[in-house]
Amino acid sequence: MGIVLRQSAQNTVVTFIGFAFGAINTLFLYTNILNPKYYGLVLFILATGALIMPLFALGSHNALLRFYTAQPAKEKRGFLGLMLITPLLVLVPAFLLTTCFKSELATLISKRN
């Protein structure tokens, strides 16, 4: 079996196992262990994280996968550091704004909902 075919088969098996764990969590564990209020909260937090993460990461994970191997050995460490620091340029100001304007944001969200 070729390398590409073997890695594709392994990736498919791992993906199916991940889907199985997710299905077991969603269908059985969350519904039996959590109250409906907390079940909704957990799903909201997971969905929000999945939607916001690519925006905060600014595509740095894709750039890392694409360009890391093309970097010379001397520059790989600096490139990796840049890719780890880049999302912080969005996260730190967003965190500061949300902590400074927490009550205003809560009022805005509560009026809308």
PDB file of N, CA and C in Angstrom:
ATOM      1  N   MET A   1       0.852  -1.168   0.000  1.00  0.00           N
ATOM      2  CA  MET A   1       0.000   0.000   0.000  1.00  0.00           C
ATOM      3  C   MET A   1       0.900   1.235   0.000  1.00  0.00           C
ATOM      4  N   GLY A   2       0.575   2.198  -0.868  1.00  0.00           N
ATOM      5  CA  GLY A   2       1.376   3.409  -0.971  1.00  0.00           C
ATOM      6  C   GLY A   2       1.232   4.289   0.262  1.00  0.00           C
ATOM      7  N   ILE A   3       2.182   5.198   0.388  1.00  0.00           N
ATOM      8  CA  ILE A   3       2.194   6.082   1.548  1.00  0.00           C
ATOM      9  C   ILE A   3       0.942   6.955   1.579  1.00  0.00           C
ATOM     10  N   VAL A   4       0.575   7.507   0.437  1.00  0.00           N
ATOM     11  CA  VAL A   4      -0.583   8.406   0.380  1.00  0.00           C
ATOM     12  C   VAL A   4      -1.862   7.635   0.709  1.00  0.00           C
ATOM     13  N   LEU A   5      -1.984   6.439   0.160  1.00  0.00           N
ATOM     14  CA  LEU A   5      -3.182   5.633   0.413  1.00  0.00           C
ATOM     15  C   LEU A   5      -3.267   5.220   1.885  1.00  0.00           C
ATOM     16  N   ARG A   6      -2.133   4.826   2.459  1.00  0.00           N
ATOM     17  CA  ARG A   6      -2.126   4.432   3.872  1.00  0.00           C
ATOM     18  C   ARG A   6      -2.459   5.607   4.782  1.00  0.00           C
ATOM     19  N   GLN A   7      -1.862   6.773   4.523  1.00  0.00           N
ATOM     20  CA  GLN A   7      -2.156   7.949   5.344  1.00  0.00           C
ATOM     21  C   GLN A   7      -3.597   8.409   5.163  1.00  0.00           C
ATOM     22  N   SER A   8      -4.128   8.283   3.953  1.00  0.00           N
ATOM     23  CA  SER A   8      -5.528   8.641   3.721  1.00  0.00           C
ATOM     24  C   SER A   8      -6.459   7.710   4.481  1.00  0.00           C
ATOM     25  N   ALA A   9      -6.144   6.430   4.484  1.00  0.00           N
ATOM     26  CA  ALA A   9      -6.974   5.471   5.220  1.00  0.00           C
ATOM     27  C   ALA A   9      -6.898   5.732   6.722  1.00  0.00           C
ATOM     28  N   GLN A  10      -5.708   6.010   7.234  1.00  0.00           N
ATOM     29  CA  GLN A  10      -5.567   6.321   8.658  1.00  0.00           C
ATOM     30  C   GLN A  10      -6.318   7.598   9.021  1.00  0.00           C
ATOM     31  N   ASN A  11      -6.223   8.608   8.169  1.00  0.00           N
ATOM     32  CA  ASN A  11      -6.925   9.862   8.418  1.00  0.00           C
ATOM     33  C   ASN A  11      -8.441   9.645   8.411  1.00  0.00           C
ATOM     34  N   THR A  12      -8.922   8.811   7.510  1.00  0.00           N
ATOM     35  CA  THR A  12     -10.353   8.519   7.447  1.00  0.00           C
ATOM     36  C   THR A  12     -10.823   7.801   8.709  1.00  0.00           C
ATOM     37  N   VAL A  13     -10.045   6.842   9.176  1.00  0.00           N
ATOM     38  CA  VAL A  13     -10.417   6.106  10.392  1.00  0.00           C
ATOM     39  C   VAL A  13     -10.440   7.041  11.598  1.00  0.00           C
ATOM     40  N   VAL A  14      -9.424   7.889  11.722  1.00  0.00           N
ATOM     41  CA  VAL A  14      -9.368   8.827  12.849  1.00  0.00           C
ATOM     42  C   VAL A  14     -10.526   9.817  12.773  1.00  0.00           C
ATOM     43  N   THR A  15     -10.872  10.281  11.581  1.00  0.00           N
ATOM     44  CA  THR A  15     -12.002  11.199  11.421  1.00  0.00           C
ATOM     45  C   THR A  15     -13.303  10.529  11.831  1.00  0.00           C
ATOM     46  N   PHE A  16     -13.511   9.282  11.414  1.00  0.00           N
ATOM     47  CA  PHE A  16     -14.726   8.558  11.803  1.00  0.00           C
ATOM     48  C   PHE A  16     -14.792   8.343  13.314  1.00  0.00           C
ATOM     49  N   ILE A  17     -13.666   8.053  13.936  1.00  0.00           N
ATOM     50  CA  ILE A  17     -13.643   7.888  15.386  1.00  0.00           C
ATOM     51  C   ILE A  17     -14.006   9.215  16.073  1.00  0.00           C
ATOM     52  N   GLY A  18     -13.487  10.319  15.542  1.00  0.00           N
ATOM     53  CA  GLY A  18     -13.835  11.628  16.088  1.00  0.00           C
ATOM     54  C   GLY A  18     -15.321  11.929  15.948  1.00  0.00           C
ATOM     55  N   PHE A  19     -15.900  11.608  14.803  1.00  0.00           N
ATOM     56  CA  PHE A  19     -17.335  11.791  14.621  1.00  0.00           C
ATOM     57  C   PHE A  19     -18.130  10.903  15.570  1.00  0.00           C
ATOM     58  N   ALA A  20     -17.653   9.689  15.802  1.00  0.00           N
ATOM     59  CA  ALA A  20     -18.351   8.782  16.720  1.00  0.00           C
ATOM     60  C   ALA A  20     -18.331   9.336  18.142  1.00  0.00           C
ATOM     61  N   PHE A  21     -17.172   9.849  18.584  1.00  0.00           N
ATOM     62  CA  PHE A  21     -17.108  10.460  19.914  1.00  0.00           C
ATOM     63  C   PHE A  21     -18.042  11.657  20.017  1.00  0.00           C
ATOM     64  N   GLY A  22     -18.064  12.485  18.986  1.00  0.00           N
ATOM     65  CA  GLY A  22     -18.954  13.640  18.983  1.00  0.00           C
ATOM     66  C   GLY A  22     -20.412  13.237  19.023  1.00  0.00           C
ATOM     67  N   ALA A  23     -20.763  12.204  18.278  1.00  0.00           N
ATOM     68  CA  ALA A  23     -22.151  11.741  18.270  1.00  0.00           C
ATOM     69  C   ALA A  23     -22.542  11.165  19.630  1.00  0.00           C
ATOM     70  N   ILE A  24     -21.651  10.394  20.235  1.00  0.00           N
ATOM     71  CA  ILE A  24     -21.944   9.823  21.560  1.00  0.00           C
ATOM     72  C   ILE A  24     -22.111  10.944  22.582  1.00  0.00           C
ATOM     73  N   ASN A  25     -21.221  11.949  22.536  1.00  0.00           N
ATOM     74  CA  ASN A  25     -21.347  13.077  23.461  1.00  0.00           C
ATOM     75  C   ASN A  25     -22.670  13.802  23.263  1.00  0.00           C
ATOM     76  N   THR A  26     -22.993  14.125  22.023  1.00  0.00           N
ATOM     77  CA  THR A  26     -24.180  14.929  21.749  1.00  0.00           C
ATOM     78  C   THR A  26     -25.469  14.167  22.011  1.00  0.00           C
ATOM     79  N   LEU A  27     -25.523  12.929  21.594  1.00  0.00           N
ATOM     80  CA  LEU A  27     -26.784  12.186  21.692  1.00  0.00           C
ATOM     81  C   LEU A  27     -27.031  11.560  23.058  1.00  0.00           C
ATOM     82  N   PHE A  28     -25.990  11.122  23.727  1.00  0.00           N
ATOM     83  CA  PHE A  28     -26.198  10.369  24.960  1.00  0.00           C
ATOM     84  C   PHE A  28     -25.687  11.085  26.207  1.00  0.00           C
ATOM     85  N   LEU A  29     -24.428  11.472  26.212  1.00  0.00           N
ATOM     86  CA  LEU A  29     -23.842  12.027  27.430  1.00  0.00           C
ATOM     87  C   LEU A  29     -24.410  13.401  27.777  1.00  0.00           C
ATOM     88  N   TYR A  30     -24.403  14.331  26.808  1.00  0.00           N
ATOM     89  CA  TYR A  30     -24.913  15.673  27.097  1.00  0.00           C
ATOM     90  C   TYR A  30     -26.380  15.636  27.515  1.00  0.00           C
ATOM     91  N   THR A  31     -27.190  14.855  26.824  1.00  0.00           N
ATOM     92  CA  THR A  31     -28.627  14.850  27.115  1.00  0.00           C
ATOM     93  C   THR A  31     -28.956  14.165  28.434  1.00  0.00           C
ATOM     94  N   ASN A  32     -28.168  13.202  28.857  1.00  0.00           N
ATOM     95  CA  ASN A  32     -28.446  12.494  30.109  1.00  0.00           C
ATOM     96  C   ASN A  32     -27.800  13.143  31.328  1.00  0.00           C
ATOM     97  N   ILE A  33     -26.671  13.792  31.151  1.00  0.00           N
ATOM     98  CA  ILE A  33     -25.943  14.346  32.284  1.00  0.00           C
ATOM     99  C   ILE A  33     -26.344  15.795  32.559  1.00  0.00           C
ATOM    100  N   LEU A  34     -26.507  16.587  31.516  1.00  0.00           N
ATOM    101  CA  LEU A  34     -26.750  18.018  31.683  1.00  0.00           C
ATOM    102  C   LEU A  34     -28.236  18.349  31.689  1.00  0.00           C
ATOM    103  N   ASN A  35     -28.586  19.396  32.438  1.00  0.00           N
ATOM    104  CA  ASN A  35     -29.932  19.949  32.363  1.00  0.00           C
ATOM    105  C   ASN A  35     -30.118  20.589  30.991  1.00  0.00           C
ATOM    106  N   PRO A  36     -31.349  20.750  30.524  1.00  0.00           N
ATOM    107  CA  PRO A  36     -31.555  21.375  29.208  1.00  0.00           C
ATOM    108  C   PRO A  36     -30.939  22.769  29.092  1.00  0.00           C
ATOM    109  N   LYS A  37     -30.956  23.537  30.185  1.00  0.00           N
ATOM    110  CA  LYS A  37     -30.376  24.879  30.157  1.00  0.00           C
ATOM    111  C   LYS A  37     -28.868  24.807  29.916  1.00  0.00           C
ATOM    112  N   TYR A  38     -28.192  23.919  30.627  1.00  0.00           N
ATOM    113  CA  TYR A  38     -26.750  23.791  30.469  1.00  0.00           C
ATOM    114  C   TYR A  38     -26.372  23.104  29.163  1.00  0.00           C
ATOM    115  N   TYR A  39     -27.226  22.230  28.693  1.00  0.00           N
ATOM    116  CA  TYR A  39     -26.993  21.585  27.395  1.00  0.00           C
ATOM    117  C   TYR A  39     -26.981  22.640  26.290  1.00  0.00           C
ATOM    118  N   GLY A  40     -27.955  23.540  26.333  1.00  0.00           N
ATOM    119  CA  GLY A  40     -27.985  24.620  25.356  1.00  0.00           C
ATOM    120  C   GLY A  40     -26.786  25.537  25.484  1.00  0.00           C
ATOM    121  N   LEU A  41     -26.369  25.813  26.710  1.00  0.00           N
ATOM    122  CA  LEU A  41     -25.207  26.669  26.935  1.00  0.00           C
ATOM    123  C   LEU A  41     -23.938  26.029  26.388  1.00  0.00           C
ATOM    124  N   VAL A  42     -23.763  24.738  26.625  1.00  0.00           N
ATOM    125  CA  VAL A  42     -22.572  24.035  26.122  1.00  0.00           C
ATOM    126  C   VAL A  42     -22.546  24.049  24.600  1.00  0.00           C
ATOM    127  N   LEU A  43     -23.679  23.763  23.976  1.00  0.00           N
ATOM    128  CA  LEU A  43     -23.721  23.779  22.513  1.00  0.00           C
ATOM    129  C   LEU A  43     -23.482  25.181  21.961  1.00  0.00           C
ATOM    130  N   PHE A  44     -24.005  26.198  22.640  1.00  0.00           N
ATOM    131  CA  PHE A  44     -23.773  27.578  22.205  1.00  0.00           C
ATOM    132  C   PHE A  44     -22.288  27.926  22.287  1.00  0.00           C
ATOM    133  N   ILE A  45     -21.640  27.562  23.378  1.00  0.00           N
ATOM    134  CA  ILE A  45     -20.216  27.871  23.544  1.00  0.00           C
ATOM    135  C   ILE A  45     -19.379  27.140  22.503  1.00  0.00           C
ATOM    136  N   LEU A  46     -19.680  25.877  22.242  1.00  0.00           N
ATOM    137  CA  LEU A  46     -18.924  25.120  21.244  1.00  0.00           C
ATOM    138  C   LEU A  46     -19.118  25.701  19.842  1.00  0.00           C
ATOM    139  N   ALA A  47     -20.359  26.045  19.506  1.00  0.00           N
ATOM    140  CA  ALA A  47     -20.630  26.610  18.182  1.00  0.00           C
ATOM    141  C   ALA A  47     -19.984  27.980  18.018  1.00  0.00           C
ATOM    142  N   THR A  48     -20.040  28.798  19.056  1.00  0.00           N
ATOM    143  CA  THR A  48     -19.427  30.123  18.989  1.00  0.00           C
ATOM    144  C   THR A  48     -17.913  30.013  18.826  1.00  0.00           C
ATOM    145  N   GLY A  49     -17.309  29.098  19.557  1.00  0.00           N
ATOM    146  CA  GLY A  49     -15.868  28.898  19.422  1.00  0.00           C
ATOM    147  C   GLY A  49     -15.474  28.423  18.034  1.00  0.00           C
ATOM    148  N   ALA A  50     -16.282  27.537  17.457  1.00  0.00           N
ATOM    149  CA  ALA A  50     -15.985  27.029  16.117  1.00  0.00           C
ATOM    150  C   ALA A  50     -16.142  28.121  15.062  1.00  0.00           C
ATOM    151  N   LEU A  51     -17.056  29.056  15.290  1.00  0.00           N
ATOM    152  CA  LEU A  51     -17.260  30.126  14.321  1.00  0.00           C
ATOM    153  C   LEU A  51     -16.251  31.265  14.469  1.00  0.00           C
ATOM    154  N   ILE A  52     -15.866  31.565  15.686  1.00  0.00           N
ATOM    155  CA  ILE A  52     -15.000  32.721  15.922  1.00  0.00           C
ATOM    156  C   ILE A  52     -13.515  32.387  15.778  1.00  0.00           C
ATOM    157  N   MET A  53     -13.122  31.153  16.022  1.00  0.00           N
ATOM    158  CA  MET A  53     -11.704  30.789  15.981  1.00  0.00           C
ATOM    159  C   MET A  53     -11.028  31.157  14.659  1.00  0.00           C
ATOM    160  N   PRO A  54     -11.605  30.867  13.496  1.00  0.00           N
ATOM    161  CA  PRO A  54     -10.904  31.259  12.262  1.00  0.00           C
ATOM    162  C   PRO A  54     -10.745  32.772  12.111  1.00  0.00           C
ATOM    163  N   LEU A  55     -11.691  33.530  12.649  1.00  0.00           N
ATOM    164  CA  LEU A  55     -11.573  34.983  12.564  1.00  0.00           C
ATOM    165  C   LEU A  55     -10.433  35.499  13.441  1.00  0.00           C
ATOM    166  N   PHE A  56     -10.321  34.967  14.650  1.00  0.00           N
ATOM    167  CA  PHE A  56      -9.276  35.411  15.558  1.00  0.00           C
ATOM    168  C   PHE A  56      -7.899  34.909  15.128  1.00  0.00           C
ATOM    169  N   ALA A  57      -7.843  33.761  14.494  1.00  0.00           N
ATOM    170  CA  ALA A  57      -6.549  33.199  14.088  1.00  0.00           C
ATOM    171  C   ALA A  57      -5.969  33.914  12.871  1.00  0.00           C
ATOM    172  N   LEU A  58      -6.807  34.649  12.134  1.00  0.00           N
ATOM    173  CA  LEU A  58      -6.370  35.399  10.953  1.00  0.00           C
ATOM    174  C   LEU A  58      -5.697  34.511   9.903  1.00  0.00           C
ATOM    175  N   GLY A  59      -6.056  33.260   9.844  1.00  0.00           N
ATOM    176  CA  GLY A  59      -5.487  32.360   8.851  1.00  0.00           C
ATOM    177  C   GLY A  59      -4.069  31.935   9.144  1.00  0.00           C
ATOM    178  N   SER A  60      -3.581  32.204  10.350  1.00  0.00           N
ATOM    179  CA  SER A  60      -2.187  31.869  10.648  1.00  0.00           C
ATOM    180  C   SER A  60      -1.947  30.366  10.634  1.00  0.00           C
ATOM    181  N   HIS A  61      -2.941  29.570  11.004  1.00  0.00           N
ATOM    182  CA  HIS A  61      -2.757  28.123  10.974  1.00  0.00           C
ATOM    183  C   HIS A  61      -2.590  27.623   9.542  1.00  0.00           C
ATOM    184  N   ASN A  62      -3.325  28.210   8.606  1.00  0.00           N
ATOM    185  CA  ASN A  62      -3.164  27.820   7.201  1.00  0.00           C
ATOM    186  C   ASN A  62      -1.813  28.277   6.653  1.00  0.00           C
ATOM    187  N   ALA A  63      -1.395  29.476   7.013  1.00  0.00           N
ATOM    188  CA  ALA A  63      -0.082  29.965   6.574  1.00  0.00           C
ATOM    189  C   ALA A  63       1.038  29.109   7.148  1.00  0.00           C
ATOM    190  N   LEU A  64       0.882  28.679   8.387  1.00  0.00           N
ATOM    191  CA  LEU A  64       1.900  27.834   9.012  1.00  0.00           C
ATOM    192  C   LEU A  64       2.026  26.504   8.273  1.00  0.00           C
ATOM    193  N   LEU A  65       0.881  25.892   7.967  1.00  0.00           N
ATOM    194  CA  LEU A  65       0.926  24.616   7.245  1.00  0.00           C
ATOM    195  C   LEU A  65       1.515  24.771   5.849  1.00  0.00           C
ATOM    196  N   ARG A  66       1.238  25.877   5.210  1.00  0.00           N
ATOM    197  CA  ARG A  66       1.677  26.045   3.829  1.00  0.00           C
ATOM    198  C   ARG A  66       3.143  26.460   3.721  1.00  0.00           C
ATOM    199  N   PHE A  67       3.605  27.370   4.573  1.00  0.00           N
ATOM    200  CA  PHE A  67       4.909  27.987   4.363  1.00  0.00           C
ATOM    201  C   PHE A  67       5.999  27.544   5.335  1.00  0.00           C
ATOM    202  N   TYR A  68       5.665  26.770   6.368  1.00  0.00           N
ATOM    203  CA  TYR A  68       6.680  26.394   7.355  1.00  0.00           C
ATOM    204  C   TYR A  68       7.785  25.546   6.730  1.00  0.00           C
ATOM    205  N   THR A  69       7.430  24.605   5.897  1.00  0.00           N
ATOM    206  CA  THR A  69       8.451  23.735   5.306  1.00  0.00           C
ATOM    207  C   THR A  69       9.316  24.475   4.291  1.00  0.00           C
ATOM    208  N   ALA A  70       8.816  25.586   3.730  1.00  0.00           N
ATOM    209  CA  ALA A  70       9.592  26.331   2.751  1.00  0.00           C
ATOM    210  C   ALA A  70      10.610  27.262   3.402  1.00  0.00           C
ATOM    211  N   GLN A  71      10.532  27.474   4.697  1.00  0.00           N
ATOM    212  CA  GLN A  71      11.453  28.375   5.394  1.00  0.00           C
ATOM    213  C   GLN A  71      12.818  27.706   5.576  1.00  0.00           C
ATOM    214  N   PRO A  72      13.885  28.492   5.454  1.00  0.00           N
ATOM    215  CA  PRO A  72      15.207  27.937   5.776  1.00  0.00           C
ATOM    216  C   PRO A  72      15.271  27.569   7.261  1.00  0.00           C
ATOM    217  N   ALA A  73      16.174  26.696   7.603  1.00  0.00           N
ATOM    218  CA  ALA A  73      16.265  26.185   8.975  1.00  0.00           C
ATOM    219  C   ALA A  73      16.461  27.311   9.990  1.00  0.00           C
ATOM    220  N   LYS A  74      17.217  28.349   9.643  1.00  0.00           N
ATOM    221  CA  LYS A  74      17.462  29.449  10.575  1.00  0.00           C
ATOM    222  C   LYS A  74      16.189  30.246  10.855  1.00  0.00           C
ATOM    223  N   GLU A  75      15.312  30.357   9.875  1.00  0.00           N
ATOM    224  CA  GLU A  75      14.141  31.216  10.000  1.00  0.00           C
ATOM    225  C   GLU A  75      12.900  30.484  10.496  1.00  0.00           C
ATOM    226  N   LYS A  76      12.947  29.167  10.616  1.00  0.00           N
ATOM    227  CA  LYS A  76      11.755  28.413  11.030  1.00  0.00           C
ATOM    228  C   LYS A  76      11.285  28.798  12.423  1.00  0.00           C
ATOM    229  N   ARG A  77      12.212  28.990  13.334  1.00  0.00           N
ATOM    230  CA  ARG A  77      11.827  29.332  14.707  1.00  0.00           C
ATOM    231  C   ARG A  77      11.157  30.704  14.765  1.00  0.00           C
ATOM    232  N   GLY A  78      11.704  31.672  14.046  1.00  0.00           N
ATOM    233  CA  GLY A  78      11.109  33.003  14.007  1.00  0.00           C
ATOM    234  C   GLY A  78       9.743  32.994  13.329  1.00  0.00           C
ATOM    235  N   PHE A  79       9.616  32.198  12.273  1.00  0.00           N
ATOM    236  CA  PHE A  79       8.331  32.094  11.579  1.00  0.00           C
ATOM    237  C   PHE A  79       7.282  31.465  12.481  1.00  0.00           C
ATOM    238  N   LEU A  80       7.662  30.437  13.214  1.00  0.00           N
ATOM    239  CA  LEU A  80       6.733  29.798  14.150  1.00  0.00           C
ATOM    240  C   LEU A  80       6.317  30.765  15.246  1.00  0.00           C
ATOM    241  N   GLY A  81       7.260  31.531  15.763  1.00  0.00           N
ATOM    242  CA  GLY A  81       6.924  32.533  16.775  1.00  0.00           C
ATOM    243  C   GLY A  81       5.972  33.587  16.242  1.00  0.00           C
ATOM    244  N   LEU A  82       6.185  34.027  15.013  1.00  0.00           N
ATOM    245  CA  LEU A  82       5.287  34.997  14.394  1.00  0.00           C
ATOM    246  C   LEU A  82       3.879  34.426  14.242  1.00  0.00           C
ATOM    247  N   MET A  83       3.781  33.179  13.851  1.00  0.00           N
ATOM    248  CA  MET A  83       2.468  32.555  13.671  1.00  0.00           C
ATOM    249  C   MET A  83       1.757  32.342  15.009  1.00  0.00           C
ATOM    250  N   LEU A  84       2.509  32.197  16.089  1.00  0.00           N
ATOM    251  CA  LEU A  84       1.892  32.054  17.401  1.00  0.00           C
ATOM    252  C   LEU A  84       1.493  33.408  17.996  1.00  0.00           C
ATOM    253  N   ILE A  85       2.219  34.453  17.653  1.00  0.00           N
ATOM    254  CA  ILE A  85       1.931  35.785  18.191  1.00  0.00           C
ATOM    255  C   ILE A  85       0.828  36.487  17.398  1.00  0.00           C
ATOM    256  N   THR A  86       0.699  36.213  16.119  1.00  0.00           N
ATOM    257  CA  THR A  86      -0.274  36.909  15.269  1.00  0.00           C
ATOM    258  C   THR A  86      -1.699  36.855  15.810  1.00  0.00           C
ATOM    259  N   PRO A  87      -2.236  35.711  16.236  1.00  0.00           N
ATOM    260  CA  PRO A  87      -3.601  35.734  16.780  1.00  0.00           C
ATOM    261  C   PRO A  87      -3.740  36.578  18.041  1.00  0.00           C
ATOM    262  N   LEU A  88      -2.661  36.735  18.786  1.00  0.00           N
ATOM    263  CA  LEU A  88      -2.725  37.569  19.988  1.00  0.00           C
ATOM    264  C   LEU A  88      -2.966  39.035  19.650  1.00  0.00           C
ATOM    265  N   LEU A  89      -2.600  39.436  18.435  1.00  0.00           N
ATOM    266  CA  LEU A  89      -2.847  40.816  18.018  1.00  0.00           C
ATOM    267  C   LEU A  89      -4.341  41.107  17.912  1.00  0.00           C
ATOM    268  N   VAL A  90      -5.145  40.087  17.741  1.00  0.00           N
ATOM    269  CA  VAL A  90      -6.596  40.251  17.713  1.00  0.00           C
ATOM    270  C   VAL A  90      -7.195  39.917  19.077  1.00  0.00           C
ATOM    271  N   LEU A  91      -6.706  38.867  19.711  1.00  0.00           N
ATOM    272  CA  LEU A  91      -7.302  38.417  20.966  1.00  0.00           C
ATOM    273  C   LEU A  91      -7.119  39.410  22.115  1.00  0.00           C
ATOM    274  N   VAL A  92      -5.942  39.992  22.248  1.00  0.00           N
ATOM    275  CA  VAL A  92      -5.686  40.899  23.371  1.00  0.00           C
ATOM    276  C   VAL A  92      -6.557  42.150  23.278  1.00  0.00           C
ATOM    277  N   PRO A  93      -6.627  42.855  22.127  1.00  0.00           N
ATOM    278  CA  PRO A  93      -7.539  44.009  22.074  1.00  0.00           C
ATOM    279  C   PRO A  93      -9.008  43.614  22.244  1.00  0.00           C
ATOM    280  N   ALA A  94      -9.408  42.473  21.697  1.00  0.00           N
ATOM    281  CA  ALA A  94     -10.799  42.028  21.859  1.00  0.00           C
ATOM    282  C   ALA A  94     -11.091  41.745  23.329  1.00  0.00           C
ATOM    283  N   PHE A  95     -10.158  41.127  24.027  1.00  0.00           N
ATOM    284  CA  PHE A  95     -10.334  40.858  25.448  1.00  0.00           C
ATOM    285  C   PHE A  95     -10.420  42.155  26.251  1.00  0.00           C
ATOM    286  N   LEU A  96      -9.542  43.089  25.941  1.00  0.00           N
ATOM    287  CA  LEU A  96      -9.561  44.364  26.661  1.00  0.00           C
ATOM    288  C   LEU A  96     -10.856  45.126  26.407  1.00  0.00           C
ATOM    289  N   LEU A  97     -11.333  45.124  25.172  1.00  0.00           N
ATOM    290  CA  LEU A  97     -12.585  45.818  24.864  1.00  0.00           C
ATOM    291  C   LEU A  97     -13.775  45.166  25.562  1.00  0.00           C
ATOM    292  N   THR A  98     -13.805  43.842  25.578  1.00  0.00           N
ATOM    293  CA  THR A  98     -14.935  43.177  26.232  1.00  0.00           C
ATOM    294  C   THR A  98     -14.905  43.356  27.743  1.00  0.00           C
ATOM    295  N   THR A  99     -13.730  43.400  28.339  1.00  0.00           N
ATOM    296  CA  THR A  99     -13.683  43.617  29.784  1.00  0.00           C
ATOM    297  C   THR A  99     -13.998  45.063  30.142  1.00  0.00           C
ATOM    298  N   CYS A 100     -13.575  46.008  29.306  1.00  0.00           N
ATOM    299  CA  CYS A 100     -13.863  47.417  29.598  1.00  0.00           C
ATOM    300  C   CYS A 100     -15.339  47.751  29.391  1.00  0.00           C
ATOM    301  N   PHE A 101     -15.954  47.180  28.374  1.00  0.00           N
ATOM    302  CA  PHE A 101     -17.338  47.501  28.029  1.00  0.00           C
ATOM    303  C   PHE A 101     -18.278  46.330  28.291  1.00  0.00           C
ATOM    304  N   LYS A 102     -18.002  45.586  29.357  1.00  0.00           N
ATOM    305  CA  LYS A 102     -18.791  44.395  29.670  1.00  0.00           C
ATOM    306  C   LYS A 102     -20.256  44.729  29.931  1.00  0.00           C
ATOM    307  N   SER A 103     -20.519  45.739  30.727  1.00  0.00           N
ATOM    308  CA  SER A 103     -21.906  46.072  31.060  1.00  0.00           C
ATOM    309  C   SER A 103     -22.652  46.610  29.843  1.00  0.00           C
ATOM    310  N   GLU A 104     -21.987  47.412  29.016  1.00  0.00           N
ATOM    311  CA  GLU A 104     -22.632  47.927  27.804  1.00  0.00           C
ATOM    312  C   GLU A 104     -22.964  46.791  26.838  1.00  0.00           C
ATOM    313  N   LEU A 105     -22.036  45.861  26.691  1.00  0.00           N
ATOM    314  CA  LEU A 105     -22.305  44.716  25.823  1.00  0.00           C
ATOM    315  C   LEU A 105     -23.432  43.851  26.354  1.00  0.00           C
ATOM    316  N   ALA A 106     -23.452  43.634  27.659  1.00  0.00           N
ATOM    317  CA  ALA A 106     -24.534  42.829  28.257  1.00  0.00           C
ATOM    318  C   ALA A 106     -25.878  43.510  28.053  1.00  0.00           C
ATOM    319  N   THR A 107     -25.927  44.820  28.210  1.00  0.00           N
ATOM    320  CA  THR A 107     -27.174  45.558  27.991  1.00  0.00           C
ATOM    321  C   THR A 107     -27.609  45.466  26.542  1.00  0.00           C
ATOM    322  N   LEU A 108     -26.678  45.612  25.624  1.00  0.00           N
ATOM    323  CA  LEU A 108     -26.996  45.535  24.201  1.00  0.00           C
ATOM    324  C   LEU A 108     -27.522  44.157  23.825  1.00  0.00           C
ATOM    325  N   ILE A 109     -26.862  43.118  24.325  1.00  0.00           N
ATOM    326  CA  ILE A 109     -27.282  41.752  23.998  1.00  0.00           C
ATOM    327  C   ILE A 109     -28.622  41.433  24.648  1.00  0.00           C
ATOM    328  N   SER A 110     -28.837  41.884  25.866  1.00  0.00           N
ATOM    329  CA  SER A 110     -30.097  41.575  26.545  1.00  0.00           C
ATOM    330  C   SER A 110     -31.278  42.302  25.907  1.00  0.00           C
ATOM    331  N   LYS A 111     -31.065  43.499  25.372  1.00  0.00           N
ATOM    332  CA  LYS A 111     -32.139  44.192  24.664  1.00  0.00           C
ATOM    333  C   LYS A 111     -32.511  43.457  23.388  1.00  0.00           C
ATOM    334  N   ARG A 112     -31.515  42.953  22.724  1.00  0.00           N
ATOM    335  CA  ARG A 112     -31.738  42.290  21.435  1.00  0.00           C
ATOM    336  C   ARG A 112     -32.376  40.912  21.630  1.00  0.00           C
ATOM    337  N   ASN A 113     -31.988  40.213  22.671  1.00  0.00           N
ATOM    338  CA  ASN A 113     -32.520  38.869  22.892  1.00  0.00           C
ATOM    339  C   ASN A 113     -33.800  38.946  23.697  1.00  0.00           C
TER     340      ASN A 113
END
